[in-house]
Protein backbone atom coordinates (compact mmCIF):
# COMPACT_ATOMS: atom_id res chain seq x y z
CA UNK A 1 160.76 76.98 115.99
CA UNK A 2 158.60 76.76 119.09
CA UNK A 3 159.37 80.29 120.29
CA UNK A 4 160.24 83.45 118.38
CA UNK A 5 160.95 87.10 119.09
CA UNK A 6 159.58 89.87 116.86
CA UNK A 7 160.72 93.38 117.70
CA UNK A 8 160.04 93.72 121.44
CA UNK A 9 157.60 90.80 121.83
CA UNK A 10 157.91 87.04 122.37
CA UNK A 11 155.62 84.45 120.79
CA UNK A 12 155.16 80.68 121.05
CA UNK A 13 153.81 78.29 118.43
CA UNK A 14 150.02 78.02 118.56
CA UNK A 15 148.89 76.34 115.31
CA UNK A 16 151.41 74.31 113.30
CA UNK A 17 151.92 74.45 109.55
CA UNK A 18 150.48 70.92 109.18
CA UNK A 19 147.38 71.83 111.20
CA UNK A 20 146.84 74.91 109.02
CA UNK A 21 147.18 73.00 105.75
CA UNK A 22 144.89 70.20 106.92
CA UNK A 23 142.18 72.67 107.87
CA UNK A 24 142.53 74.58 104.58
CA UNK A 25 141.97 71.34 102.67
CA UNK A 26 138.76 70.72 104.64
CA UNK A 27 137.55 74.30 104.05
CA UNK A 28 138.24 74.09 100.30
CA UNK A 29 136.39 70.78 100.02
CA UNK A 30 133.35 72.26 101.78
CA UNK A 31 133.37 75.40 99.59
CA UNK A 32 133.72 73.30 96.42
CA UNK A 33 130.72 71.22 97.51
CA UNK A 34 128.53 74.11 98.71
CA UNK A 35 129.08 76.55 95.85
CA UNK A 36 129.31 74.29 92.81
CA UNK A 37 127.46 75.72 89.81
CA UNK A 38 127.30 79.30 91.13
CA UNK A 39 128.91 82.43 89.67
CA UNK A 40 131.63 82.90 92.31
CA UNK A 41 133.97 85.79 93.06
CA UNK A 42 136.47 85.39 95.87
CA UNK A 43 137.57 88.63 97.55
CA UNK A 44 140.69 88.32 99.69
CA UNK A 45 141.18 91.06 102.29
CA UNK A 46 144.87 92.05 102.20
CA UNK A 47 147.51 92.09 103.57
CA UNK A 48 147.11 89.26 106.02
CA UNK A 49 145.09 86.92 103.82
CA UNK A 50 147.69 86.45 101.07
CA UNK A 51 149.09 83.09 102.24
CA UNK A 52 145.69 81.66 103.22
CA UNK A 53 144.22 82.85 99.91
CA UNK A 54 147.01 81.30 97.83
CA UNK A 55 146.77 77.98 99.66
CA UNK A 56 142.97 77.73 99.51
CA UNK A 57 142.75 78.90 95.87
CA UNK A 58 145.04 76.04 94.80
CA UNK A 59 142.41 73.65 96.18
CA UNK A 60 139.30 75.35 94.81
CA UNK A 61 138.09 73.27 91.87
CA UNK A 62 134.90 75.16 91.00
CA UNK A 63 134.90 77.92 88.38
CA UNK A 64 135.54 81.25 90.04
CA UNK A 65 137.11 84.67 89.81
CA UNK A 66 139.62 86.00 92.32
CA UNK A 67 140.30 89.55 93.45
CA UNK A 68 141.72 91.39 96.43
CA UNK A 69 140.89 94.47 98.45
CA UNK A 70 143.07 96.12 101.04
CA UNK A 71 141.64 97.52 104.24
CA UNK A 72 143.46 98.19 107.49
CA UNK A 73 142.32 98.52 111.10
CA UNK A 74 145.33 97.43 113.19
CA UNK A 75 148.08 99.43 114.85
CA UNK A 76 150.63 97.26 116.64
CA UNK A 77 148.82 94.54 118.60
CA UNK A 78 145.34 96.05 118.81
CA UNK A 79 142.51 96.99 116.48
CA UNK A 80 142.04 100.73 116.07
CA UNK A 81 138.36 100.29 115.27
CA UNK A 82 138.82 102.64 112.31
CA UNK A 83 138.81 101.12 108.83
CA UNK A 84 140.88 102.71 106.09
CA UNK A 85 140.22 101.67 102.49
CA UNK A 86 143.58 101.43 100.79
CA UNK A 87 142.94 99.50 97.58
CA UNK A 88 139.42 99.63 96.24
CA UNK A 89 136.74 97.73 94.47
CA UNK A 90 137.15 97.29 90.72
CA UNK A 91 134.97 94.28 89.82
CA UNK A 92 131.31 94.24 88.86
CA UNK A 93 129.80 91.90 91.46
CA UNK A 94 126.15 92.34 90.51
CA UNK A 95 124.41 88.97 90.75
CA UNK A 96 127.51 87.06 91.89
CA UNK A 97 128.07 84.92 94.94
CA UNK A 98 130.94 86.64 96.72
CA UNK A 99 133.16 84.73 99.13
CA UNK A 100 135.07 87.08 101.41
CA UNK A 101 138.36 85.54 102.54
CA UNK A 102 139.80 86.85 105.80
CA UNK A 103 142.92 85.84 107.69
CA UNK A 104 141.30 86.65 111.03
CA UNK A 105 137.95 87.93 112.27
CA UNK A 106 138.00 89.48 115.72
CA UNK A 107 135.65 92.44 116.37
CA UNK A 108 134.10 92.14 112.91
CA UNK A 109 134.54 95.85 112.07
CA UNK A 110 136.45 95.16 108.84
CA UNK A 111 133.96 92.48 107.87
CA UNK A 112 131.02 94.82 108.48
CA UNK A 113 132.59 97.42 106.18
CA UNK A 114 133.20 94.83 103.44
CA UNK A 115 129.67 93.38 103.70
CA UNK A 116 128.13 96.85 103.51
CA UNK A 117 130.04 97.61 100.33
CA UNK A 118 129.13 94.25 98.76
CA UNK A 119 125.44 94.82 99.47
CA UNK A 120 125.59 98.28 97.87
CA UNK A 121 127.18 96.68 94.81
CA UNK A 122 124.32 94.14 94.58
CA UNK A 123 126.06 90.83 95.28
CA UNK A 124 123.52 87.99 94.97
CA UNK A 125 124.90 86.20 98.03
CA UNK A 126 127.78 86.79 100.43
CA UNK A 127 129.73 84.06 102.21
CA UNK A 128 132.48 84.59 104.76
CA UNK A 129 135.51 82.32 105.07
CA UNK A 130 138.15 83.03 107.71
CA UNK A 131 141.18 81.10 108.81
CA UNK A 132 140.92 82.38 112.39
CA UNK A 133 137.88 83.51 114.35
CA UNK A 134 137.87 85.10 117.82
CA UNK A 135 134.30 84.61 119.13
CA UNK A 136 135.13 86.38 122.44
CA UNK A 137 136.03 89.58 120.55
CA UNK A 138 133.28 89.39 117.91
CA UNK A 139 130.73 92.19 118.29
CA UNK A 140 128.71 91.88 115.07
CA UNK A 141 125.74 89.72 114.01
CA UNK A 142 127.21 88.71 110.64
CA UNK A 143 127.32 84.91 110.30
CA UNK A 144 130.68 83.35 109.47
CA UNK A 145 130.12 80.52 106.98
CA UNK A 146 133.53 78.85 106.96
CA UNK A 147 135.88 78.92 109.96
CA UNK A 148 139.34 77.38 110.03
CA UNK A 149 140.02 77.72 113.76
CA UNK A 150 138.20 79.36 116.65
CA UNK A 151 140.79 80.92 118.93
CA UNK A 152 140.77 82.89 122.20
CA UNK A 153 141.13 86.65 122.11
CA UNK A 154 144.96 86.52 122.05
CA UNK A 155 147.26 88.38 119.67
CA UNK A 156 148.68 86.05 117.01
CA UNK A 157 151.26 86.34 114.22
CA UNK A 158 152.51 84.22 111.35
CA UNK A 159 151.04 82.76 108.19
CA UNK A 160 150.20 86.22 106.87
CA UNK A 161 149.42 87.85 110.22
CA UNK A 162 151.87 90.47 111.41
CA UNK A 163 153.14 92.46 114.34
CA UNK A 164 153.98 95.93 112.99
CA UNK A 165 154.75 94.38 109.60
CA UNK A 166 156.89 91.50 110.89
CA UNK A 167 156.10 87.79 111.04
CA UNK A 168 153.88 87.42 107.96
CA UNK A 169 156.37 84.96 106.44
CA UNK A 170 156.18 82.44 109.28
CA UNK A 171 154.72 79.05 108.28
CA UNK A 172 152.94 78.48 111.60
CA UNK A 173 150.78 80.75 113.75
CA UNK A 174 152.25 82.02 117.02
CA UNK A 175 150.55 83.57 120.05
CA UNK A 176 151.91 86.45 122.09
CA UNK A 177 153.51 85.31 125.34
CA UNK A 178 155.18 88.56 126.50
C-alpha cells in the first residue's frame, strides 16, 4: 500500500515496515549496551507508542520494569499545546533510571510535562527514546537520547500514530499528501 485515504485525507508511504523494524533493533541494542546493570523502568506514553513499545520491549535483554502513562495533546492533525493527563503515575520511581518511550516528539510539550513529573518523583536518571523526532518543530532544550528517525515537520500516521483515531494499525508510517 503506497497510498491510503483516512477520513478526508490522503497519505503516502514514508517509512516502510522493514525500515522501522531495522531501526528498532538498532535502538534496542544501544539501550541494552548503555543501561546494562541499572535499575530500569520504561514508561511508554500512550496511545501512539503501543506498537513501538511492544516491538522494542521484545528486544530489550536487560532487566527492567515496564509501565505506561496516557497523555494527550493532539486534535486532528495539529498539537493543541495543552496536555491532558488521562492515565496517571502508579509506580515508585525513586532512584530508578527511567526510559521514556515516545512514538513521536515534535514540539516537546508532552515530553516536558513527563520529565517534570519524573523529576518530582525523584528518578535517578531520565532517558528519552522516540521512534520519530521532528527537529524543526522542537521548542524545548530536553536532550533526546535515542532517536529512530528524524523527520520533517509533516503530519504522519501509521504504526501507532493516528489521524482522529484512525491509522494506528498500519504497519508502515505514512505522510500527509492532501
